[in-house]
Amino acid sequence: MSYKCAVCGKQAVTGNKVSHSKRHTRTRWLPNLQSIKIVLNGRTKKAKVCTSCIRSGKITKPAPRTAPQKAAA
């Protein structure tokens, strides 16, 4: 699985870091991806999603599972 958001497609960007003396060093800037469970096409799936998609509500989290109730004796 690539380093890419499953919702918006945000991925790593490459470029140069430029120091004060103008030396160029290649670098990568990575998105803030979190591995969470999301509902996709009616099924619960674990996916890497960026934090901006989580905050903006572009994803739906699955409903929490409840424990079975014990019978009263």
PDB file of N, CA and C in Angstrom:
ATOM      1  N   MET A   1       0.851  -1.176   0.000  1.00  0.00           N
ATOM      2  CA  MET A   1       0.000   0.000   0.000  1.00  0.00           C
ATOM      3  C   MET A   1       0.895   1.238   0.000  1.00  0.00           C
ATOM      4  N   SER A   2       0.628   2.167  -0.910  1.00  0.00           N
ATOM      5  CA  SER A   2       1.454   3.348  -1.021  1.00  0.00           C
ATOM      6  C   SER A   2       1.110   4.348   0.081  1.00  0.00           C
ATOM      7  N   TYR A   3       1.978   5.323   0.253  1.00  0.00           N
ATOM      8  CA  TYR A   3       1.780   6.349   1.260  1.00  0.00           C
ATOM      9  C   TYR A   3       0.865   7.403   0.669  1.00  0.00           C
ATOM     10  N   LYS A   4      -0.453   7.120   0.680  1.00  0.00           N
ATOM     11  CA  LYS A   4      -1.433   7.964   0.016  1.00  0.00           C
ATOM     12  C   LYS A   4      -2.748   7.908   0.782  1.00  0.00           C
ATOM     13  N   CYS A   5      -3.439   9.048   0.884  1.00  0.00           N
ATOM     14  CA  CYS A   5      -4.731   9.105   1.560  1.00  0.00           C
ATOM     15  C   CYS A   5      -5.763   8.352   0.733  1.00  0.00           C
ATOM     16  N   ALA A   6      -6.537   7.479   1.385  1.00  0.00           N
ATOM     17  CA  ALA A   6      -7.541   6.681   0.694  1.00  0.00           C
ATOM     18  C   ALA A   6      -8.749   7.508   0.279  1.00  0.00           C
ATOM     19  N   VAL A   7      -8.931   8.708   0.842  1.00  0.00           N
ATOM     20  CA  VAL A   7     -10.108   9.521   0.555  1.00  0.00           C
ATOM     21  C   VAL A   7      -9.799  10.596  -0.490  1.00  0.00           C
ATOM     22  N   CYS A   8      -8.809  11.433  -0.222  1.00  0.00           N
ATOM     23  CA  CYS A   8      -8.551  12.572  -1.113  1.00  0.00           C
ATOM     24  C   CYS A   8      -7.371  12.362  -2.051  1.00  0.00           C
ATOM     25  N   GLY A   9      -6.554  11.332  -1.813  1.00  0.00           N
ATOM     26  CA  GLY A   9      -5.427  11.059  -2.697  1.00  0.00           C
ATOM     27  C   GLY A   9      -4.180  11.858  -2.393  1.00  0.00           C
ATOM     28  N   LYS A  10      -4.160  12.542  -1.258  1.00  0.00           N
ATOM     29  CA  LYS A  10      -2.974  13.313  -0.882  1.00  0.00           C
ATOM     30  C   LYS A  10      -1.793  12.364  -0.709  1.00  0.00           C
ATOM     31  N   GLN A  11      -0.615  12.725  -1.258  1.00  0.00           N
ATOM     32  CA  GLN A  11       0.542  11.843  -1.180  1.00  0.00           C
ATOM     33  C   GLN A  11       1.808  12.648  -0.949  1.00  0.00           C
ATOM     34  N   ALA A  12       2.948  11.961  -0.902  1.00  0.00           N
ATOM     35  CA  ALA A  12       4.227  12.605  -0.635  1.00  0.00           C
ATOM     36  C   ALA A  12       4.598  13.562  -1.763  1.00  0.00           C
ATOM     37  N   VAL A  13       5.264  14.667  -1.389  1.00  0.00           N
ATOM     38  CA  VAL A  13       5.735  15.664  -2.341  1.00  0.00           C
ATOM     39  C   VAL A  13       7.250  15.738  -2.208  1.00  0.00           C
ATOM     40  N   THR A  14       7.959  15.822  -3.339  1.00  0.00           N
ATOM     41  CA  THR A  14       9.415  15.907  -3.296  1.00  0.00           C
ATOM     42  C   THR A  14       9.860  17.298  -3.705  1.00  0.00           C
ATOM     43  N   GLY A  15      11.079  17.636  -3.286  1.00  0.00           N
ATOM     44  CA  GLY A  15      11.626  18.939  -3.632  1.00  0.00           C
ATOM     45  C   GLY A  15      13.008  19.092  -3.045  1.00  0.00           C
ATOM     46  N   ASN A  16      13.473  20.322  -2.982  1.00  0.00           N
ATOM     47  CA  ASN A  16      14.798  20.626  -2.467  1.00  0.00           C
ATOM     48  C   ASN A  16      14.704  21.428  -1.192  1.00  0.00           C
ATOM     49  N   LYS A  17      15.535  21.056  -0.201  1.00  0.00           N
ATOM     50  CA  LYS A  17      15.769  21.940   0.927  1.00  0.00           C
ATOM     51  C   LYS A  17      16.916  22.843   0.513  1.00  0.00           C
ATOM     52  N   VAL A  18      16.780  24.136   0.712  1.00  0.00           N
ATOM     53  CA  VAL A  18      17.809  25.083   0.305  1.00  0.00           C
ATOM     54  C   VAL A  18      18.357  25.752   1.556  1.00  0.00           C
ATOM     55  N   SER A  19      19.648  25.554   1.808  1.00  0.00           N
ATOM     56  CA  SER A  19      20.269  26.128   2.998  1.00  0.00           C
ATOM     57  C   SER A  19      20.621  27.597   2.753  1.00  0.00           C
ATOM     58  N   HIS A  20      21.156  28.233   3.768  1.00  0.00           N
ATOM     59  CA  HIS A  20      21.543  29.635   3.667  1.00  0.00           C
ATOM     60  C   HIS A  20      22.616  29.832   2.602  1.00  0.00           C
ATOM     61  N   SER A  21      23.487  28.830   2.423  1.00  0.00           N
ATOM     62  CA  SER A  21      24.541  28.922   1.416  1.00  0.00           C
ATOM     63  C   SER A  21      24.063  28.450   0.043  1.00  0.00           C
ATOM     64  N   LYS A  22      22.765  28.242  -0.093  1.00  0.00           N
ATOM     65  CA  LYS A  22      22.106  27.862  -1.339  1.00  0.00           C
ATOM     66  C   LYS A  22      22.444  26.444  -1.805  1.00  0.00           C
ATOM     67  N   ARG A  23      22.874  25.566  -0.895  1.00  0.00           N
ATOM     68  CA  ARG A  23      23.086  24.160  -1.249  1.00  0.00           C
ATOM     69  C   ARG A  23      21.729  23.485  -1.318  1.00  0.00           C
ATOM     70  N   HIS A  24      21.524  22.642  -2.327  1.00  0.00           N
ATOM     71  CA  HIS A  24      20.253  21.958  -2.522  1.00  0.00           C
ATOM     72  C   HIS A  24      20.369  20.506  -2.102  1.00  0.00           C
ATOM     73  N   THR A  25      19.450  20.069  -1.233  1.00  0.00           N
ATOM     74  CA  THR A  25      19.391  18.689  -0.765  1.00  0.00           C
ATOM     75  C   THR A  25      17.987  18.166  -1.028  1.00  0.00           C
ATOM     76  N   ARG A  26      17.901  17.006  -1.697  1.00  0.00           N
ATOM     77  CA  ARG A  26      16.591  16.430  -1.996  1.00  0.00           C
ATOM     78  C   ARG A  26      15.900  15.990  -0.702  1.00  0.00           C
ATOM     79  N   THR A  27      14.563  16.183  -0.653  1.00  0.00           N
ATOM     80  CA  THR A  27      13.799  15.811   0.534  1.00  0.00           C
ATOM     81  C   THR A  27      12.377  15.436   0.126  1.00  0.00           C
ATOM     82  N   ARG A  28      11.658  14.804   1.042  1.00  0.00           N
ATOM     83  CA  ARG A  28      10.251  14.446   0.841  1.00  0.00           C
ATOM     84  C   ARG A  28       9.431  15.014   1.986  1.00  0.00           C
ATOM     85  N   TRP A  29       8.278  15.569   1.655  1.00  0.00           N
ATOM     86  CA  TRP A  29       7.323  16.019   2.656  1.00  0.00           C
ATOM     87  C   TRP A  29       6.152  15.048   2.635  1.00  0.00           C
ATOM     88  N   LEU A  30       5.873  14.430   3.777  1.00  0.00           N
ATOM     89  CA  LEU A  30       4.850  13.398   3.861  1.00  0.00           C
ATOM     90  C   LEU A  30       3.577  13.944   4.504  1.00  0.00           C
ATOM     91  N   PRO A  31       2.406  13.526   4.022  1.00  0.00           N
ATOM     92  CA  PRO A  31       1.156  13.938   4.668  1.00  0.00           C
ATOM     93  C   PRO A  31       0.996  13.213   5.996  1.00  0.00           C
ATOM     94  N   ASN A  32       0.199  13.793   6.878  1.00  0.00           N
ATOM     95  CA  ASN A  32      -0.041  13.203   8.188  1.00  0.00           C
ATOM     96  C   ASN A  32      -1.143  12.149   8.045  1.00  0.00           C
ATOM     97  N   LEU A  33      -0.744  10.899   7.778  1.00  0.00           N
ATOM     98  CA  LEU A  33      -1.699   9.819   7.587  1.00  0.00           C
ATOM     99  C   LEU A  33      -1.888   9.034   8.869  1.00  0.00           C
ATOM    100  N   GLN A  34      -3.137   8.678   9.139  1.00  0.00           N
ATOM    101  CA  GLN A  34      -3.476   7.862  10.287  1.00  0.00           C
ATOM    102  C   GLN A  34      -4.198   6.618   9.784  1.00  0.00           C
ATOM    103  N   SER A  35      -3.898   5.469  10.370  1.00  0.00           N
ATOM    104  CA  SER A  35      -4.555   4.227   9.994  1.00  0.00           C
ATOM    105  C   SER A  35      -5.773   4.050  10.885  1.00  0.00           C
ATOM    106  N   ILE A  36      -6.983   4.199  10.291  1.00  0.00           N
ATOM    107  CA  ILE A  36      -8.221   4.118  11.057  1.00  0.00           C
ATOM    108  C   ILE A  36      -9.227   3.243  10.320  1.00  0.00           C
ATOM    109  N   LYS A  37     -10.269   2.841  11.039  1.00  0.00           N
ATOM    110  CA  LYS A  37     -11.356   2.084  10.419  1.00  0.00           C
ATOM    111  C   LYS A  37     -12.384   3.070   9.892  1.00  0.00           C
ATOM    112  N   ILE A  38     -12.776   2.882   8.613  1.00  0.00           N
ATOM    113  CA  ILE A  38     -13.775   3.739   7.994  1.00  0.00           C
ATOM    114  C   ILE A  38     -14.839   2.865   7.331  1.00  0.00           C
ATOM    115  N   VAL A  39     -16.003   3.458   7.080  1.00  0.00           N
ATOM    116  CA  VAL A  39     -17.062   2.762   6.357  1.00  0.00           C
ATOM    117  C   VAL A  39     -16.944   3.168   4.897  1.00  0.00           C
ATOM    118  N   LEU A  40     -16.680   2.188   4.026  1.00  0.00           N
ATOM    119  CA  LEU A  40     -16.506   2.432   2.606  1.00  0.00           C
ATOM    120  C   LEU A  40     -17.382   1.460   1.836  1.00  0.00           C
ATOM    121  N   ASN A  41     -18.344   1.965   1.079  1.00  0.00           N
ATOM    122  CA  ASN A  41     -19.310   1.156   0.323  1.00  0.00           C
ATOM    123  C   ASN A  41     -20.097   0.213   1.234  1.00  0.00           C
ATOM    124  N   GLY A  42     -20.449   0.686   2.416  1.00  0.00           N
ATOM    125  CA  GLY A  42     -21.251  -0.105   3.345  1.00  0.00           C
ATOM    126  C   GLY A  42     -20.471  -1.150   4.130  1.00  0.00           C
ATOM    127  N   ARG A  43     -19.163  -1.205   3.941  1.00  0.00           N
ATOM    128  CA  ARG A  43     -18.338  -2.194   4.653  1.00  0.00           C
ATOM    129  C   ARG A  43     -17.287  -1.471   5.479  1.00  0.00           C
ATOM    130  N   THR A  44     -16.958  -2.050   6.626  1.00  0.00           N
ATOM    131  CA  THR A  44     -15.920  -1.483   7.478  1.00  0.00           C
ATOM    132  C   THR A  44     -14.563  -1.929   6.955  1.00  0.00           C
ATOM    133  N   LYS A  45     -13.667  -0.962   6.788  1.00  0.00           N
ATOM    134  CA  LYS A  45     -12.360  -1.239   6.212  1.00  0.00           C
ATOM    135  C   LYS A  45     -11.315  -0.405   6.939  1.00  0.00           C
ATOM    136  N   LYS A  46     -10.114  -0.950   7.099  1.00  0.00           N
ATOM    137  CA  LYS A  46      -9.025  -0.206   7.705  1.00  0.00           C
ATOM    138  C   LYS A  46      -8.247   0.468   6.583  1.00  0.00           C
ATOM    139  N   ALA A  47      -8.044   1.782   6.701  1.00  0.00           N
ATOM    140  CA  ALA A  47      -7.398   2.531   5.630  1.00  0.00           C
ATOM    141  C   ALA A  47      -6.540   3.639   6.206  1.00  0.00           C
ATOM    142  N   LYS A  48      -5.588   4.116   5.398  1.00  0.00           N
ATOM    143  CA  LYS A  48      -4.770   5.264   5.769  1.00  0.00           C
ATOM    144  C   LYS A  48      -5.461   6.519   5.270  1.00  0.00           C
ATOM    145  N   VAL A  49      -5.780   7.426   6.206  1.00  0.00           N
ATOM    146  CA  VAL A  49      -6.518   8.641   5.881  1.00  0.00           C
ATOM    147  C   VAL A  49      -5.774   9.827   6.480  1.00  0.00           C
ATOM    148  N   CYS A  50      -5.694  10.941   5.732  1.00  0.00           N
ATOM    149  CA  CYS A  50      -5.005  12.121   6.249  1.00  0.00           C
ATOM    150  C   CYS A  50      -5.869  12.811   7.306  1.00  0.00           C
ATOM    151  N   THR A  51      -5.227  13.537   8.179  1.00  0.00           N
ATOM    152  CA  THR A  51      -5.932  14.155   9.297  1.00  0.00           C
ATOM    153  C   THR A  51      -6.890  15.246   8.841  1.00  0.00           C
ATOM    154  N   SER A  52      -6.618  15.891   7.715  1.00  0.00           N
ATOM    155  CA  SER A  52      -7.549  16.920   7.234  1.00  0.00           C
ATOM    156  C   SER A  52      -8.872  16.298   6.799  1.00  0.00           C
ATOM    157  N   CYS A  53      -8.841  15.085   6.239  1.00  0.00           N
ATOM    158  CA  CYS A  53     -10.085  14.390   5.874  1.00  0.00           C
ATOM    159  C   CYS A  53     -10.835  13.932   7.125  1.00  0.00           C
ATOM    160  N   ILE A  54     -10.110  13.514   8.158  1.00  0.00           N
ATOM    161  CA  ILE A  54     -10.747  13.082   9.406  1.00  0.00           C
ATOM    162  C   ILE A  54     -11.440  14.271  10.070  1.00  0.00           C
ATOM    163  N   ARG A  55     -10.747  15.409  10.159  1.00  0.00           N
ATOM    164  CA  ARG A  55     -11.296  16.597  10.819  1.00  0.00           C
ATOM    165  C   ARG A  55     -12.475  17.187  10.063  1.00  0.00           C
ATOM    166  N   SER A  56     -12.423  17.176   8.730  1.00  0.00           N
ATOM    167  CA  SER A  56     -13.475  17.820   7.946  1.00  0.00           C
ATOM    168  C   SER A  56     -14.728  16.964   7.819  1.00  0.00           C
ATOM    169  N   GLY A  57     -14.661  15.706   8.255  1.00  0.00           N
ATOM    170  CA  GLY A  57     -15.834  14.852   8.224  1.00  0.00           C
ATOM    171  C   GLY A  57     -16.075  14.193   6.883  1.00  0.00           C
ATOM    172  N   LYS A  58     -15.042  14.050   6.059  1.00  0.00           N
ATOM    173  CA  LYS A  58     -15.191  13.394   4.767  1.00  0.00           C
ATOM    174  C   LYS A  58     -15.333  11.884   4.896  1.00  0.00           C
ATOM    175  N   ILE A  59     -15.033  11.350   6.078  1.00  0.00           N
ATOM    176  CA  ILE A  59     -15.134   9.907   6.306  1.00  0.00           C
ATOM    177  C   ILE A  59     -16.208   9.644   7.357  1.00  0.00           C
ATOM    178  N   THR A  60     -16.718   8.422   7.369  1.00  0.00           N
ATOM    179  CA  THR A  60     -17.648   8.024   8.421  1.00  0.00           C
ATOM    180  C   THR A  60     -17.030   6.861   9.171  1.00  0.00           C
ATOM    181  N   LYS A  61     -16.975   6.989  10.478  1.00  0.00           N
ATOM    182  CA  LYS A  61     -16.439   5.924  11.309  1.00  0.00           C
ATOM    183  C   LYS A  61     -17.535   4.904  11.584  1.00  0.00           C
ATOM    184  N   PRO A  62     -17.155   3.622  11.756  1.00  0.00           N
ATOM    185  CA  PRO A  62     -18.174   2.615  12.053  1.00  0.00           C
ATOM    186  C   PRO A  62     -18.760   2.830  13.442  1.00  0.00           C
ATOM    187  N   ALA A  63     -20.001   2.376  13.626  1.00  0.00           N
ATOM    188  CA  ALA A  63     -20.654   2.501  14.927  1.00  0.00           C
ATOM    189  C   ALA A  63     -19.928   1.599  15.928  1.00  0.00           C
ATOM    190  N   PRO A  64     -19.775   2.061  17.161  1.00  0.00           N
ATOM    191  CA  PRO A  64     -19.087   1.231  18.157  1.00  0.00           C
ATOM    192  C   PRO A  64     -19.874  -0.033  18.467  1.00  0.00           C
ATOM    193  N   ARG A  65     -19.152  -1.112  18.635  1.00  0.00           N
ATOM    194  CA  ARG A  65     -19.803  -2.381  18.960  1.00  0.00           C
ATOM    195  C   ARG A  65     -20.115  -2.408  20.448  1.00  0.00           C
ATOM    196  N   THR A  66     -21.311  -2.885  20.778  1.00  0.00           N
ATOM    197  CA  THR A  66     -21.695  -2.970  22.186  1.00  0.00           C
ATOM    198  C   THR A  66     -21.548  -4.405  22.661  1.00  0.00           C
ATOM    199  N   ALA A  67     -21.169  -4.542  23.906  1.00  0.00           N
ATOM    200  CA  ALA A  67     -21.009  -5.872  24.499  1.00  0.00           C
ATOM    201  C   ALA A  67     -22.385  -6.474  24.768  1.00  0.00           C
ATOM    202  N   PRO A  68     -22.530  -7.774  24.636  1.00  0.00           N
ATOM    203  CA  PRO A  68     -23.834  -8.400  24.928  1.00  0.00           C
ATOM    204  C   PRO A  68     -24.170  -8.235  26.414  1.00  0.00           C
ATOM    205  N   GLN A  69     -25.458  -8.006  26.675  1.00  0.00           N
ATOM    206  CA  GLN A  69     -25.917  -7.789  28.039  1.00  0.00           C
ATOM    207  C   GLN A  69     -26.006  -9.132  28.790  1.00  0.00           C
ATOM    208  N   LYS A  70     -25.562  -9.122  30.026  1.00  0.00           N
ATOM    209  CA  LYS A  70     -25.672 -10.316  30.861  1.00  0.00           C
ATOM    210  C   LYS A  70     -27.095 -10.427  31.398  1.00  0.00           C
ATOM    211  N   ALA A  71     -27.587 -11.653  31.442  1.00  0.00           N
ATOM    212  CA  ALA A  71     -28.930 -11.879  31.979  1.00  0.00           C
ATOM    213  C   ALA A  71     -28.918 -11.737  33.498  1.00  0.00           C
ATOM    214  N   ALA A  72     -29.905 -11.045  34.013  1.00  0.00           N
ATOM    215  CA  ALA A  72     -29.999 -10.864  35.464  1.00  0.00           C
ATOM    216  C   ALA A  72     -30.477 -12.166  36.101  1.00  0.00           C
ATOM    217  N   ALA A  73     -29.804 -12.547  37.180  1.00  0.00           N
ATOM    218  CA  ALA A  73     -30.182 -13.829  37.842  1.00  0.00           C
ATOM    219  C   ALA A  73     -31.102 -13.615  39.003  1.00  0.00           C
TER     220      ALA A  73
END
